[in-house]
Protein backbone atom coordinates (compact mmCIF):
# COMPACT_ATOMS: atom_id res chain seq x y z
CA MET A 1 4.07 -20.69 57.29
CA ARG A 2 2.37 -17.29 57.36
CA ARG A 3 4.88 -16.01 59.95
CA PHE A 4 7.77 -17.18 57.72
CA ALA A 5 6.29 -15.31 54.75
CA LEU A 6 5.86 -12.13 56.80
CA ASN A 7 9.39 -12.40 58.16
CA THR A 8 10.72 -12.90 54.64
CA LEU A 9 8.76 -9.91 53.36
CA ALA A 10 9.99 -7.75 56.23
CA ALA A 11 13.58 -8.78 55.61
CA GLY A 12 13.21 -7.97 51.92
CA LEU A 13 11.76 -4.53 52.65
CA THR A 14 14.55 -3.80 55.11
CA ALA A 15 17.19 -4.80 52.58
CA ALA A 16 15.52 -2.67 49.91
CA LEU A 17 15.36 0.35 52.22
CA LEU A 18 18.97 -0.09 53.25
CA SER A 19 20.11 -0.32 49.64
CA ALA A 20 18.00 2.62 48.41
CA PRO A 21 20.43 5.35 49.57
CA ALA A 22 23.31 3.51 47.90
CA LEU A 23 21.34 3.33 44.65
CA ALA A 24 20.40 6.98 44.91
CA GLN A 25 24.03 7.94 45.40
CA LYS A 26 25.11 6.08 42.27
CA LYS A 27 25.51 9.05 39.93
CA PRO A 28 26.21 8.79 36.21
CA VAL A 29 29.86 9.06 35.20
CA GLU A 30 30.42 12.67 34.08
CA VAL A 31 32.41 13.19 30.87
CA GLU A 32 33.18 16.68 29.60
CA PHE A 33 33.48 16.61 25.82
CA TYR A 34 35.23 19.44 23.92
CA TYR A 35 33.97 19.81 20.38
CA PRO A 36 35.10 22.30 17.69
CA VAL A 37 32.06 24.09 16.28
CA ALA A 38 33.71 26.06 13.47
CA VAL A 39 33.72 23.21 10.99
CA GLY A 40 30.77 24.17 8.76
CA GLY A 41 27.05 23.45 8.87
CA PRO A 42 24.61 23.16 11.80
CA ILE A 43 26.95 20.84 13.66
CA THR A 44 25.94 21.68 17.23
CA LYS A 45 22.38 20.42 16.72
CA ILE A 46 23.70 17.18 15.25
CA VAL A 47 26.13 16.66 18.15
CA ASP A 48 23.45 17.49 20.72
CA GLY A 49 21.15 14.90 19.15
CA MET A 50 23.91 12.31 19.08
CA VAL A 51 24.71 12.89 22.77
CA ALA A 52 21.03 12.64 23.71
CA ASP A 53 20.69 9.33 21.85
CA PHE A 54 23.80 7.96 23.56
CA GLN A 55 22.62 8.95 27.04
CA GLN A 56 19.23 7.38 26.47
CA ALA A 57 20.99 4.10 25.74
CA HIS A 58 23.61 4.62 28.49
CA PRO A 59 21.93 6.30 31.51
CA ASP A 60 25.01 5.54 33.61
CA ILE A 61 27.09 8.03 31.58
CA HIS A 62 26.50 11.78 31.26
CA ILE A 63 28.24 13.47 28.31
CA LYS A 64 28.52 17.24 28.56
CA PRO A 65 29.41 18.82 25.18
CA ILE A 66 31.41 22.04 25.36
CA TYR A 67 31.55 23.87 22.04
CA ALA A 68 35.02 25.31 22.08
CA GLY A 69 35.22 27.28 18.83
CA SER A 70 37.53 26.50 15.92
CA TYR A 71 39.98 23.61 15.93
CA GLN A 72 42.70 26.07 16.89
CA ASP A 73 40.56 27.46 19.73
CA SER A 74 39.73 23.95 20.90
CA ILE A 75 43.30 22.69 21.21
CA ALA A 76 44.34 25.91 22.98
CA LYS A 77 41.44 25.67 25.45
CA ALA A 78 41.97 21.94 26.02
CA LEU A 79 45.67 22.38 26.82
CA THR A 80 45.03 25.45 28.98
CA ALA A 81 42.44 23.49 30.95
CA PHE A 82 44.81 20.53 31.15
CA LYS A 83 47.60 22.64 32.64
CA ALA A 84 45.12 24.19 35.08
CA GLY A 85 44.05 20.74 36.23
CA THR A 86 40.53 20.97 34.78
CA PRO A 87 40.75 19.33 31.34
CA PRO A 88 37.96 17.61 29.45
CA GLN A 89 37.94 13.83 29.56
CA LEU A 90 37.21 13.57 25.84
CA ALA A 91 37.76 15.91 22.90
CA VAL A 92 37.52 16.02 19.14
CA LEU A 93 40.68 17.78 18.00
CA LEU A 94 42.60 17.76 14.75
CA SER A 95 44.28 14.48 13.90
CA THR A 96 47.41 16.59 13.42
CA ASP A 97 47.32 17.63 17.09
CA MET A 98 48.40 14.10 18.05
CA PHE A 99 52.12 14.84 18.51
CA THR A 100 51.39 18.00 20.52
CA LEU A 101 49.05 16.12 22.85
CA ILE A 102 51.60 13.32 23.27
CA ASP A 103 54.40 15.82 24.01
CA GLU A 104 52.21 17.48 26.65
CA ASP A 105 51.51 14.05 28.19
CA ALA A 106 47.83 14.99 27.96
CA ILE A 107 46.26 11.90 26.39
CA VAL A 108 46.19 8.17 26.98
CA PRO A 109 46.82 5.65 24.18
CA ILE A 110 43.46 4.28 23.08
CA ASP A 111 44.87 0.78 22.68
CA THR A 112 45.68 0.65 26.41
CA LEU A 113 41.99 1.20 27.17
CA ALA A 114 40.61 -1.03 24.43
CA GLN A 115 41.65 -4.45 25.74
CA THR A 116 38.92 -6.96 24.82
CA ASP A 117 38.79 -8.90 21.56
CA ALA A 118 35.77 -6.80 20.53
CA ASP A 119 37.73 -3.62 21.32
CA LYS A 120 40.67 -4.76 19.22
CA LYS A 121 38.40 -5.68 16.32
CA TRP A 122 36.88 -2.19 16.53
CA LEU A 123 40.34 -0.55 16.49
CA GLY A 124 41.27 -2.53 13.39
CA GLY A 125 38.14 -1.54 11.50
CA PHE A 126 39.06 1.99 10.37
CA TYR A 127 40.43 3.03 6.98
CA ASP A 128 44.22 2.90 7.14
CA ALA A 129 44.52 6.32 5.46
CA PHE A 130 42.83 7.83 8.51
CA MET A 131 44.93 5.81 10.95
CA GLN A 132 48.16 7.29 9.56
CA ASN A 133 47.48 10.42 11.63
CA SER A 134 46.27 8.35 14.61
CA ARG A 135 49.28 6.11 15.36
CA SER A 136 52.73 6.80 16.74
CA GLY A 137 55.37 4.86 18.63
CA GLY A 138 53.46 1.57 18.36
CA HIS A 139 50.29 2.99 19.93
CA VAL A 140 46.92 4.25 18.71
CA TRP A 141 46.34 7.71 20.18
CA GLY A 142 43.30 8.98 18.31
CA ILE A 143 40.09 7.54 16.88
CA PRO A 144 38.96 8.83 13.46
CA PHE A 145 35.62 10.62 13.70
CA GLN A 146 34.97 13.62 11.46
CA ARG A 147 37.52 12.92 8.80
CA SER A 148 37.84 14.18 5.27
CA THR A 149 39.89 14.60 2.15
CA ILE A 150 40.07 17.59 -0.16
CA VAL A 151 37.84 17.33 -3.20
CA MET A 152 37.09 19.50 -6.21
CA TYR A 153 33.58 20.95 -6.56
CA TYR A 154 32.52 22.29 -9.96
CA ASN A 155 29.44 24.02 -11.36
CA LYS A 156 27.97 21.91 -14.17
CA ASP A 157 25.88 24.78 -15.57
CA LEU A 158 28.95 26.98 -15.93
CA PHE A 159 30.77 24.10 -17.62
CA LYS A 160 27.97 23.85 -20.20
CA GLN A 161 27.97 27.61 -20.77
CA ALA A 162 31.73 27.45 -21.46
CA GLY A 163 31.28 24.58 -23.92
CA LEU A 164 32.80 22.03 -21.53
CA ASP A 165 31.54 18.53 -20.79
CA PRO A 166 29.92 18.74 -17.33
CA GLU A 167 30.57 15.05 -16.73
CA HIS A 168 34.33 15.33 -17.31
CA PRO A 169 36.04 17.60 -14.78
CA PRO A 170 39.78 18.28 -15.20
CA ALA A 171 41.81 15.23 -14.22
CA THR A 172 45.37 16.62 -14.65
CA TRP A 173 47.17 19.86 -13.88
CA SER A 174 47.28 20.86 -17.54
CA GLU A 175 43.56 20.13 -17.95
CA LEU A 176 42.89 22.18 -14.81
CA VAL A 177 44.60 25.23 -16.32
CA ASP A 178 42.88 24.86 -19.70
CA THR A 179 39.45 24.33 -18.12
CA ALA A 180 39.85 27.19 -15.66
CA LYS A 181 40.82 29.57 -18.46
CA LYS A 182 37.57 28.78 -20.30
CA LEU A 183 35.60 29.31 -17.10
CA THR A 184 37.14 32.69 -16.22
CA ARG A 185 34.95 35.58 -17.40
CA LYS A 186 35.54 39.33 -17.60
CA ASP A 187 33.27 42.31 -18.18
CA ALA A 188 33.74 44.97 -20.85
CA SER A 189 36.19 46.81 -18.61
CA GLY A 190 38.36 43.74 -18.17
CA ASN A 191 37.32 43.05 -14.59
CA VAL A 192 36.89 39.41 -13.65
CA THR A 193 33.24 38.56 -12.90
CA GLN A 194 33.74 34.80 -12.60
CA TRP A 195 36.92 33.01 -11.60
CA GLY A 196 37.69 29.66 -13.15
CA LEU A 197 39.23 28.32 -9.94
CA GLU A 198 39.66 29.12 -6.26
CA ILE A 199 42.06 27.22 -3.99
CA PRO A 200 41.88 28.70 -0.46
CA SER A 201 45.21 29.78 0.95
CA GLY A 202 44.43 32.16 3.80
CA GLY A 203 44.19 31.31 7.45
CA ALA A 204 45.28 28.11 9.12
CA PHE A 205 44.75 25.61 6.32
CA ALA A 206 47.09 26.77 3.54
CA TYR A 207 49.44 23.85 4.27
CA TRP A 208 46.56 21.39 3.79
CA LEU A 209 45.61 22.72 0.35
CA PHE A 210 49.31 22.73 -0.50
CA GLN A 211 49.32 18.99 0.13
CA ALA A 212 46.59 18.66 -2.51
CA LEU A 213 49.28 19.85 -4.91
CA THR A 214 52.36 18.16 -3.45
CA THR A 215 50.68 14.73 -3.14
CA PRO A 216 49.77 14.54 -6.85
CA ASN A 217 53.34 15.67 -7.57
CA ASP A 218 54.62 12.72 -5.51
CA ALA A 219 56.13 14.88 -2.77
CA ILE A 220 55.72 13.93 0.91
CA LEU A 221 56.32 16.82 3.31
CA MET A 222 57.22 15.07 6.60
CA ASN A 223 58.32 11.76 8.07
CA GLU A 224 56.13 9.39 10.08
CA ALA A 225 57.91 10.24 13.35
CA GLY A 226 56.97 13.90 12.97
CA ASN A 227 60.52 15.17 13.54
CA GLN A 228 61.70 15.88 9.99
CA VAL A 229 60.18 17.90 7.11
CA TYR A 230 60.98 18.07 3.40
CA LEU A 231 59.62 21.47 2.42
CA ASP A 232 62.36 22.42 -0.06
CA GLN A 233 62.46 19.24 -2.13
CA PRO A 234 61.95 19.75 -5.90
CA GLY A 235 58.42 18.29 -5.96
CA ALA A 236 57.27 20.68 -3.24
CA ILE A 237 58.86 23.71 -4.91
CA GLU A 238 57.28 22.78 -8.25
CA ALA A 239 53.87 22.48 -6.56
CA ALA A 240 54.23 25.94 -4.98
CA GLU A 241 55.29 27.44 -8.30
CA PHE A 242 52.26 25.91 -10.02
CA TRP A 243 49.95 27.30 -7.32
CA HIS A 244 51.50 30.77 -7.72
CA ASP A 245 51.24 30.61 -11.51
CA LEU A 246 47.52 29.86 -11.47
CA SER A 247 46.96 33.53 -10.65
CA ALA A 248 50.19 35.29 -11.65
CA LYS A 249 50.72 33.56 -15.00
CA HIS A 250 47.45 31.93 -16.05
CA GLY A 251 45.05 34.47 -14.54
CA VAL A 252 42.43 31.88 -13.57
CA MET A 253 42.44 32.57 -9.83
CA PRO A 254 42.47 35.73 -7.68
CA LYS A 255 45.93 37.02 -6.82
CA GLY A 256 47.23 36.91 -3.27
CA THR A 257 45.53 34.74 -0.67
CA ILE A 258 41.99 33.36 -0.80
CA ASP A 259 40.05 32.98 2.44
CA TRP A 260 39.09 29.46 3.51
CA GLY A 261 35.64 30.45 4.77
CA THR A 262 34.54 32.49 1.75
CA THR A 263 35.48 29.88 -0.86
CA PRO A 264 32.24 27.81 -0.58
CA LYS A 265 30.27 31.10 -0.53
CA ASP A 266 31.93 32.22 -3.77
CA PHE A 267 31.03 28.86 -5.31
CA LEU A 268 27.38 29.10 -4.24
CA GLU A 269 27.19 32.67 -5.54
CA LYS A 270 28.72 31.58 -8.89
CA LYS A 271 31.75 33.80 -8.42
CA ALA A 272 33.98 30.72 -8.80
CA ALA A 273 33.27 27.83 -11.18
CA ILE A 274 35.65 25.35 -9.49
CA ILE A 275 36.75 25.28 -5.85
CA TRP A 276 38.89 22.97 -3.75
CA THR A 277 37.69 22.40 -0.21
CA THR A 278 36.90 19.68 2.30
CA THR A 279 34.37 16.97 1.57
CA GLY A 280 32.91 18.14 4.90
CA ASN A 281 31.32 20.98 2.90
CA LEU A 282 29.29 18.53 0.80
CA THR A 283 26.07 18.74 2.82
CA ASN A 284 26.32 22.54 3.00
CA ILE A 285 26.74 22.83 -0.78
CA ARG A 286 24.04 20.25 -1.48
CA LYS A 287 21.52 22.18 0.59
CA ASN A 288 22.38 25.62 -0.74
CA ALA A 289 23.44 25.25 -4.38
CA ASP A 290 20.69 26.24 -6.84
CA PHE A 291 22.59 24.60 -9.70
CA PRO A 292 23.82 21.08 -10.49
CA PHE A 293 27.37 20.49 -9.31
CA GLY A 294 29.93 17.73 -9.51
CA VAL A 295 32.58 16.46 -7.13
CA ALA A 296 35.91 15.06 -8.32
CA MET A 297 39.27 13.90 -6.98
CA MET A 298 42.40 16.02 -7.04
CA PRO A 299 43.86 16.48 -10.54
CA LYS A 300 47.01 14.46 -11.16
CA LYS A 301 50.52 15.52 -12.00
CA LYS A 302 52.50 12.31 -11.41
CA ARG A 303 49.85 10.43 -9.39
CA GLY A 304 46.50 10.96 -7.67
CA GLY A 305 45.90 11.77 -4.07
CA SER A 306 44.99 14.19 -1.33
CA PRO A 307 45.92 14.57 2.31
CA THR A 308 43.37 13.30 4.76
CA GLY A 309 42.05 15.82 7.25
CA GLY A 310 39.66 16.45 10.09
CA GLY A 311 39.29 15.47 13.71
CA ASN A 312 39.89 12.49 15.98
CA PHE A 313 38.52 11.52 19.38
CA TYR A 314 41.18 11.82 22.11
CA VAL A 315 40.84 10.53 25.68
CA PHE A 316 42.62 12.67 28.27
CA LYS A 317 45.00 11.07 30.76
CA SER A 318 43.77 13.13 33.71
CA GLY A 319 40.33 11.54 33.73
CA SER A 320 39.61 8.79 36.24
CA ALA A 321 39.70 5.19 35.03
CA GLU A 322 35.90 5.25 35.08
CA GLN A 323 35.78 8.44 33.02
CA GLN A 324 38.31 7.10 30.52
CA GLN A 325 36.25 3.97 29.98
CA ALA A 326 33.08 6.05 29.64
CA ALA A 327 34.81 8.28 27.06
CA LEU A 328 35.98 5.19 25.19
CA LYS A 329 32.43 3.80 25.20
CA PHE A 330 31.10 7.02 23.66
CA ALA A 331 33.81 7.01 20.96
CA GLN A 332 33.02 3.38 20.17
CA TRP A 333 29.30 4.10 20.03
CA ALA A 334 29.77 7.15 17.77
CA THR A 335 31.88 5.16 15.28
CA THR A 336 29.66 2.07 14.96
CA PRO A 337 28.71 1.48 11.31
CA GLU A 338 25.18 2.85 11.75
CA ARG A 339 26.32 5.94 13.64
CA ALA A 340 29.25 6.63 11.31
CA ALA A 341 26.82 6.42 8.39
CA ASP A 342 24.40 8.84 10.10
CA TRP A 343 27.22 11.30 10.78
CA SER A 344 28.50 11.15 7.20
CA ILE A 345 25.04 11.70 5.73
CA ALA A 346 24.29 14.59 8.10
CA THR A 347 27.62 16.40 7.66
CA GLY A 348 29.36 15.32 4.46
CA TYR A 349 32.40 13.97 6.30
CA VAL A 350 33.70 10.58 5.20
CA ALA A 351 32.29 7.60 7.08
CA VAL A 352 35.44 6.31 8.77
CA THR A 353 35.03 2.53 8.39
CA PRO A 354 34.35 0.29 5.39
CA ALA A 355 31.56 -1.32 7.45
CA ALA A 356 29.68 2.00 7.57
CA TRP A 357 29.60 2.09 3.77
CA GLN A 358 28.00 -1.36 3.74
CA THR A 359 24.99 -0.26 5.79
CA GLU A 360 21.69 -0.05 3.96
CA LYS A 361 21.28 3.66 4.68
CA MET A 362 24.76 4.49 3.33
CA GLN A 363 24.28 2.46 0.18
CA LYS A 364 20.99 4.23 -0.44
CA TYR A 365 22.65 7.60 0.20
CA VAL A 366 25.43 6.90 -2.32
CA GLN A 367 22.82 5.97 -4.93
CA GLU A 368 21.09 9.30 -4.33
CA VAL A 369 24.33 11.32 -3.93
CA PRO A 370 27.15 9.63 -5.89
CA ALA A 371 29.42 12.57 -5.01
CA ALA A 372 29.58 11.24 -1.45
CA ALA A 373 31.72 8.32 -2.59
CA VAL A 374 34.42 10.47 -4.22
CA ALA A 375 36.33 11.22 -1.01
CA ARG A 376 36.02 7.59 0.12
CA ASP A 377 37.46 6.34 -3.17
CA GLN A 378 40.28 8.88 -2.95
CA LEU A 379 41.41 7.30 0.33
CA ASP A 380 43.19 4.62 -1.70
CA VAL A 381 45.74 7.23 -2.81
CA SER A 382 45.57 9.65 0.13
CA VAL A 383 48.41 10.45 2.51
CA ALA A 384 48.70 11.60 6.13
CA GLU A 385 47.96 15.25 6.81
CA PHE A 386 51.02 17.38 7.59
CA SER A 387 51.79 16.89 11.26
CA THR A 388 54.93 17.23 13.36
CA HIS A 389 56.05 17.75 16.92
CA ASP A 390 55.48 21.37 17.97
CA ASN A 391 52.93 21.23 15.19
CA GLN A 392 51.40 24.69 15.47
CA ARG A 393 54.77 26.44 15.19
CA VAL A 394 55.99 24.30 12.29
CA THR A 395 52.69 24.59 10.45
CA LYS A 396 52.71 28.38 10.87
CA VAL A 397 56.20 28.47 9.36
CA LEU A 398 54.91 26.59 6.30
CA ASN A 399 51.71 28.66 6.05
CA ASP A 400 53.68 31.91 6.22
CA ALA A 401 56.03 30.65 3.51
CA LEU A 402 53.14 29.73 1.23
CA GLN A 403 51.51 33.11 1.67
CA SER A 404 54.83 34.79 0.89
CA ALA A 405 55.07 32.75 -2.30
CA LEU A 406 51.46 33.35 -3.35
CA THR A 407 51.59 37.10 -2.74
CA GLY A 408 54.90 37.43 -4.56
CA ALA A 409 56.79 38.58 -1.47
CA LYS A 410 59.30 35.77 -2.09
CA PRO A 411 59.90 33.36 -4.97
CA PRO A 412 58.50 29.91 -4.04
CA ARG A 413 61.98 28.35 -3.95
CA GLN A 414 63.27 30.95 -1.48
CA ALA A 415 60.11 30.89 0.64
CA LEU A 416 60.21 27.11 1.08
CA GLY A 417 63.97 27.07 1.59
CA ASP A 418 63.64 29.57 4.41
CA ALA A 419 60.76 27.55 5.87
CA GLN A 420 62.82 24.36 5.76
CA ARG A 421 65.65 25.93 7.76
CA GLU A 422 63.30 27.36 10.38
CA ALA A 423 61.36 24.09 10.72
CA GLU A 424 64.62 22.15 11.18
CA ARG A 425 65.58 24.53 13.97
CA ILE A 426 62.24 23.98 15.74
CA LEU A 427 62.34 20.19 15.32
CA ARG A 428 66.01 19.66 16.30
CA PRO A 429 65.17 18.84 19.96
CA TYR A 430 62.84 16.02 18.82
CA ARG A 431 65.48 14.18 16.78
C-alpha cells in the first residue's frame, strides 16, 4: 500500500515537472492597442488604469496601449503600420474612418468574431444612433466606445448679467441670435470683450459643427453607402449662410474661423458666453469652470438634432485569430454597463448603451450632474456623422469650402457648389 502511494506520488511529481516548461512557455496573448490622446482631459491615465484593471482580471491577455496622437495622427499611423506589416491588433479610431479601413481591407467585421448568443446580445445593446457609423454592407465593423454629440454650453452668470433667464437657453435659431446679441459686450472703443457665441470652425472638425446646423435644418449630407454627398442642397446652403451671418451680419461671433481647441478655453475665461463643442468636454469644463454653467441641445430650425461623433473600437485583420479574440474580449469588457458608466463619468463622453445608464453609479451621477443626460437624450434625434469612402479627402473638400464661406472668400452657395462637384469626382469610383 505504501509502495503504491510512493509510486503514485513519484508519477505525479514527474508529470508536474514535465508539464512545468509547457506552462512556463504559455505567454499572454499580446495585443497592441492604438489610442488617440488628443481628445481632451487626462485621458492617458484613465486608459492606463482601465488596461491595468482588465489585465488583472485577464492575466492571459497583455494589452499594450500606444498613444498615437490626434485622431488624424492615429489613423495615419495605423494604416502606415498596416501597410508595413506591423499594425496594431486593436485601435480606437474615428467612427467616420470605417469606410477607409474597409477600403484598405485593414479590419475584420466584428460580427464575424462575435458568434455566441451572449456576443450577439452584446452587439445589439448599443444605441442605434451610434451604430449608424458602425455598420455597412450588412456587417458591424466598429464598436462604439468614446462617442459623443455636440452640445451647447452656456454661462449662467453671464445670462443673469444680461437679464436673461439662466434656466432657458436658446432653443431655436432666432432665439440663438437674439440671446447672443444680448451676451456680446464691447468696451468704450467698440472692441468686443465678450462674444455671445463661438462655434469652432478651424481645423479638422468644421464639417462636424456644420452638421449641428444642417441637421436642425433637416438636411442630410451623405448617403448610408458613403458614396454620394448632398453638399449643395438648399438646406445645407441655408445652414452655411446662417453660420456666416452670425459674425458678418449679426456680429455675435468672431469673424473668420474659430479654433476647435481654444473654444473651451475661451468659455472658461469668460471670453465667450455660449459655445458649441463635444459633450466629451463636459468633465473638463466641470472641473475648471468657476461659474455655474448649463448644457443644452442644438437649437432647432425645422427639427432638433446633432451628428454623433467620436471613436469606435476596430479589430485589425492582420492579427492572429487568438489576438482578434483577445481584442474582442477587451472591447466587450470596456463596454460592459459598469465600465461604460465609469468611462462616461471620468471623461464626459456618452455611455454607449442604455444598460450603462441604468447602473446605480450612472443614475447617481445624473442626479448630481443633470447636464450629463443632455447628449444621451439628444440621441433620439441625432444622425450619423459625415463619413464617406476616401473620407479624409472628401471631408477636407467640405472643410475647405466651409472656411471659404466663413472667411468671405466665396459666397456659401458657390463654396458648397464647388465642394459638391469635387466630392462627386472623388467618389465616382465607389459608385
